Amino acid sequence: MKPKITIHYCVLCQWLLRAGWMAQELLSTFSDELAEVALAPASKGVYQIYYNDELIWCRVRDGGFPEAKIAKRLVRDRLDPTRDLGHIDK
């Protein structure tokens, strides 16, 4: 079964574009390996990325927003740790 990525973003902080961009980045790299990438509206400054039910990034816990290469590494490490991400891994 293919994994699902869910990005929870604060609508009050207007982080929809940021979340949409991250979804696009993840889909461009893992389009064949993911079941879906979903955007989930939230509030109170939330920006979290889940791999299935596992929280892999939290803005508060991890100190801000992840760069695309960091988010891709987090997904890759769970999906296929042996996969080479090319220039991202350099």
N, C-alpha and C. Protein backbone atom coordinates (compact mmCIF):
# COMPACT_ATOMS: atom_id res chain seq x y z
N MET A 1 0.84 -1.19 0.00
CA MET A 1 0.00 0.00 0.00
C MET A 1 0.89 1.25 0.00
N LYS A 2 0.59 2.17 -0.86
CA LYS A 2 1.38 3.40 -0.97
C LYS A 2 1.05 4.35 0.18
N PRO A 3 2.06 5.06 0.67
CA PRO A 3 1.84 5.99 1.78
C PRO A 3 1.13 7.27 1.36
N LYS A 4 0.58 7.94 2.35
CA LYS A 4 -0.11 9.22 2.18
C LYS A 4 0.65 10.29 2.95
N ILE A 5 0.86 11.43 2.31
CA ILE A 5 1.46 12.58 2.96
C ILE A 5 0.34 13.59 3.23
N THR A 6 0.29 14.11 4.43
CA THR A 6 -0.69 15.16 4.77
C THR A 6 0.07 16.35 5.34
N ILE A 7 -0.20 17.51 4.77
CA ILE A 7 0.41 18.75 5.25
C ILE A 7 -0.68 19.58 5.92
N HIS A 8 -0.55 19.76 7.23
CA HIS A 8 -1.48 20.60 7.99
C HIS A 8 -0.89 22.01 8.02
N TYR A 9 -1.69 22.99 7.65
CA TYR A 9 -1.19 24.37 7.59
C TYR A 9 -2.21 25.33 8.21
N CYS A 10 -1.71 26.38 8.82
CA CYS A 10 -2.57 27.37 9.46
C CYS A 10 -3.19 28.30 8.41
N VAL A 11 -4.51 28.33 8.36
CA VAL A 11 -5.20 29.22 7.42
C VAL A 11 -5.13 30.67 7.88
N LEU A 12 -5.10 30.87 9.19
CA LEU A 12 -5.03 32.24 9.73
C LEU A 12 -3.69 32.89 9.38
N CYS A 13 -2.63 32.08 9.31
CA CYS A 13 -1.30 32.58 8.97
C CYS A 13 -1.08 32.65 7.46
N GLN A 14 -2.08 32.19 6.70
CA GLN A 14 -2.05 32.20 5.24
C GLN A 14 -0.88 31.39 4.68
N TRP A 15 -0.73 30.16 5.19
CA TRP A 15 0.35 29.28 4.75
C TRP A 15 -0.09 28.30 3.67
N LEU A 16 -1.24 28.54 3.04
CA LEU A 16 -1.71 27.65 1.98
C LEU A 16 -0.72 27.58 0.83
N LEU A 17 -0.20 28.70 0.37
CA LEU A 17 0.75 28.68 -0.75
C LEU A 17 2.01 27.91 -0.40
N ARG A 18 2.50 28.08 0.82
CA ARG A 18 3.69 27.34 1.29
C ARG A 18 3.39 25.83 1.28
N ALA A 19 2.23 25.45 1.82
CA ALA A 19 1.86 24.04 1.87
C ALA A 19 1.65 23.47 0.47
N GLY A 20 1.04 24.25 -0.40
CA GLY A 20 0.83 23.81 -1.78
C GLY A 20 2.13 23.63 -2.52
N TRP A 21 3.06 24.54 -2.29
CA TRP A 21 4.38 24.42 -2.93
C TRP A 21 5.10 23.17 -2.44
N MET A 22 5.02 22.89 -1.13
CA MET A 22 5.67 21.69 -0.59
C MET A 22 5.01 20.44 -1.16
N ALA A 23 3.70 20.44 -1.28
CA ALA A 23 3.00 19.30 -1.88
C ALA A 23 3.49 19.09 -3.31
N GLN A 24 3.64 20.15 -4.06
CA GLN A 24 4.13 20.07 -5.44
C GLN A 24 5.54 19.48 -5.47
N GLU A 25 6.40 19.93 -4.58
CA GLU A 25 7.77 19.42 -4.53
C GLU A 25 7.79 17.92 -4.23
N LEU A 26 6.99 17.50 -3.26
CA LEU A 26 6.96 16.08 -2.92
C LEU A 26 6.36 15.24 -4.04
N LEU A 27 5.33 15.74 -4.68
CA LEU A 27 4.73 15.01 -5.80
C LEU A 27 5.66 14.94 -7.00
N SER A 28 6.43 15.97 -7.23
CA SER A 28 7.34 15.95 -8.38
C SER A 28 8.45 14.91 -8.18
N THR A 29 8.81 14.64 -6.94
CA THR A 29 9.86 13.67 -6.66
C THR A 29 9.33 12.26 -6.45
N PHE A 30 8.17 12.13 -5.82
CA PHE A 30 7.66 10.81 -5.43
C PHE A 30 6.30 10.48 -6.05
N SER A 31 6.01 11.01 -7.22
CA SER A 31 4.67 10.86 -7.80
C SER A 31 4.22 9.41 -7.95
N ASP A 32 5.12 8.50 -8.30
CA ASP A 32 4.74 7.10 -8.50
C ASP A 32 4.68 6.31 -7.20
N GLU A 33 5.31 6.81 -6.15
CA GLU A 33 5.41 6.06 -4.91
C GLU A 33 4.39 6.46 -3.85
N LEU A 34 3.69 7.57 -4.04
CA LEU A 34 2.74 8.06 -3.04
C LEU A 34 1.30 7.84 -3.48
N ALA A 35 0.45 7.50 -2.53
CA ALA A 35 -0.99 7.37 -2.82
C ALA A 35 -1.60 8.75 -3.02
N GLU A 36 -1.17 9.70 -2.19
CA GLU A 36 -1.67 11.07 -2.31
C GLU A 36 -0.87 12.00 -1.42
N VAL A 37 -0.96 13.27 -1.74
CA VAL A 37 -0.46 14.34 -0.88
C VAL A 37 -1.66 15.24 -0.64
N ALA A 38 -2.05 15.35 0.62
CA ALA A 38 -3.25 16.11 0.99
C ALA A 38 -2.88 17.36 1.77
N LEU A 39 -3.68 18.41 1.58
CA LEU A 39 -3.55 19.64 2.35
C LEU A 39 -4.70 19.69 3.34
N ALA A 40 -4.37 19.92 4.60
CA ALA A 40 -5.38 19.92 5.66
C ALA A 40 -5.36 21.26 6.39
N PRO A 41 -6.40 22.09 6.23
CA PRO A 41 -6.45 23.37 6.93
C PRO A 41 -6.42 23.18 8.44
N ALA A 42 -5.68 24.06 9.11
CA ALA A 42 -5.58 24.04 10.57
C ALA A 42 -5.55 25.48 11.06
N SER A 43 -5.25 25.68 12.32
CA SER A 43 -5.15 27.03 12.90
C SER A 43 -4.03 27.06 13.92
N LYS A 44 -3.91 28.15 14.65
CA LYS A 44 -2.97 28.31 15.75
C LYS A 44 -1.51 28.11 15.36
N GLY A 45 -1.15 28.55 14.14
CA GLY A 45 0.24 28.49 13.73
C GLY A 45 0.76 27.11 13.36
N VAL A 46 -0.14 26.21 13.09
CA VAL A 46 0.26 24.83 12.78
C VAL A 46 0.84 24.73 11.37
N TYR A 47 1.97 24.05 11.27
CA TYR A 47 2.53 23.61 9.99
C TYR A 47 3.21 22.28 10.29
N GLN A 48 2.55 21.20 9.89
CA GLN A 48 3.04 19.86 10.18
C GLN A 48 2.93 18.99 8.94
N ILE A 49 3.90 18.10 8.79
CA ILE A 49 3.88 17.16 7.68
C ILE A 49 3.83 15.75 8.28
N TYR A 50 2.86 14.98 7.81
CA TYR A 50 2.69 13.60 8.26
C TYR A 50 2.97 12.64 7.13
N TYR A 51 3.65 11.55 7.45
CA TYR A 51 3.84 10.41 6.56
C TYR A 51 2.94 9.33 7.13
N ASN A 52 1.85 9.05 6.44
CA ASN A 52 0.77 8.25 7.01
C ASN A 52 0.37 8.91 8.33
N ASP A 53 0.51 8.21 9.45
CA ASP A 53 0.12 8.80 10.74
C ASP A 53 1.32 9.29 11.55
N GLU A 54 2.51 9.26 10.95
CA GLU A 54 3.73 9.66 11.67
C GLU A 54 4.07 11.13 11.39
N LEU A 55 4.19 11.90 12.43
CA LEU A 55 4.59 13.30 12.30
C LEU A 55 6.08 13.34 11.96
N ILE A 56 6.41 13.86 10.76
CA ILE A 56 7.82 13.91 10.36
C ILE A 56 8.37 15.33 10.39
N TRP A 57 7.48 16.34 10.43
CA TRP A 57 7.95 17.72 10.58
C TRP A 57 6.90 18.52 11.31
N CYS A 58 7.33 19.30 12.28
CA CYS A 58 6.46 20.20 13.03
C CYS A 58 7.17 21.53 13.14
N ARG A 59 6.55 22.59 12.67
CA ARG A 59 7.16 23.92 12.68
C ARG A 59 7.64 24.32 14.08
N VAL A 60 6.84 24.05 15.09
CA VAL A 60 7.20 24.43 16.46
C VAL A 60 8.34 23.55 16.98
N ARG A 61 8.18 22.26 16.85
CA ARG A 61 9.18 21.32 17.37
C ARG A 61 10.52 21.43 16.63
N ASP A 62 10.45 21.58 15.31
CA ASP A 62 11.66 21.51 14.48
C ASP A 62 12.22 22.87 14.11
N GLY A 63 11.62 23.94 14.58
CA GLY A 63 12.19 25.27 14.39
C GLY A 63 11.97 25.89 13.04
N GLY A 64 10.73 26.01 12.63
CA GLY A 64 10.43 26.70 11.38
C GLY A 64 9.93 25.77 10.30
N PHE A 65 10.14 26.19 9.08
CA PHE A 65 9.65 25.45 7.92
C PHE A 65 10.80 24.67 7.29
N PRO A 66 10.53 23.46 6.82
CA PRO A 66 11.61 22.69 6.21
C PRO A 66 11.91 23.18 4.79
N GLU A 67 13.18 23.10 4.41
CA GLU A 67 13.52 23.29 3.01
C GLU A 67 12.97 22.08 2.27
N ALA A 68 12.72 22.22 0.99
CA ALA A 68 12.19 21.11 0.20
C ALA A 68 13.10 19.90 0.28
N LYS A 69 14.42 20.13 0.22
CA LYS A 69 15.34 18.99 0.25
C LYS A 69 15.27 18.23 1.57
N ILE A 70 15.00 18.92 2.66
CA ILE A 70 14.87 18.26 3.96
C ILE A 70 13.59 17.42 3.99
N ALA A 71 12.49 17.99 3.54
CA ALA A 71 11.22 17.26 3.51
C ALA A 71 11.33 16.04 2.60
N LYS A 72 12.00 16.19 1.48
CA LYS A 72 12.18 15.05 0.57
C LYS A 72 13.02 13.97 1.21
N ARG A 73 14.05 14.34 1.93
CA ARG A 73 14.86 13.34 2.64
C ARG A 73 14.05 12.61 3.69
N LEU A 74 13.21 13.35 4.43
CA LEU A 74 12.39 12.73 5.46
C LEU A 74 11.43 11.70 4.86
N VAL A 75 10.83 12.05 3.73
CA VAL A 75 9.92 11.12 3.05
C VAL A 75 10.71 9.94 2.49
N ARG A 76 11.81 10.22 1.81
CA ARG A 76 12.63 9.16 1.23
C ARG A 76 13.10 8.17 2.29
N ASP A 77 13.53 8.67 3.44
CA ASP A 77 14.05 7.80 4.50
C ASP A 77 13.01 6.80 4.99
N ARG A 78 11.75 7.13 4.86
CA ARG A 78 10.69 6.21 5.27
C ARG A 78 10.22 5.34 4.10
N LEU A 79 10.22 5.91 2.93
CA LEU A 79 9.71 5.23 1.73
C LEU A 79 10.72 4.23 1.18
N ASP A 80 11.95 4.68 0.98
CA ASP A 80 13.01 3.85 0.39
C ASP A 80 14.36 4.44 0.76
N PRO A 81 14.89 4.07 1.93
CA PRO A 81 16.14 4.67 2.42
C PRO A 81 17.33 4.52 1.47
N THR A 82 17.29 3.56 0.57
CA THR A 82 18.41 3.34 -0.35
C THR A 82 18.31 4.20 -1.61
N ARG A 83 17.19 4.86 -1.79
CA ARG A 83 16.99 5.67 -3.01
C ARG A 83 17.91 6.88 -3.01
N ASP A 84 18.53 7.12 -4.16
CA ASP A 84 19.39 8.28 -4.35
C ASP A 84 18.53 9.44 -4.83
N LEU A 85 18.62 10.56 -4.14
CA LEU A 85 17.87 11.75 -4.54
C LEU A 85 18.70 12.69 -5.40
N GLY A 86 19.81 12.20 -5.90
CA GLY A 86 20.64 13.01 -6.79
C GLY A 86 21.29 14.17 -6.08
N HIS A 87 21.17 15.36 -6.67
CA HIS A 87 21.85 16.54 -6.12
C HIS A 87 21.39 16.89 -4.70
N ILE A 88 20.21 16.46 -4.31
CA ILE A 88 19.70 16.73 -2.97
C ILE A 88 20.55 16.05 -1.91
N ASP A 89 21.11 14.89 -2.25
CA ASP A 89 21.93 14.14 -1.31
C ASP A 89 23.37 14.60 -1.27
N LYS A 90 23.75 15.51 -2.12
CA LYS A 90 25.16 15.97 -2.17
C LYS A 90 25.42 17.02 -1.13
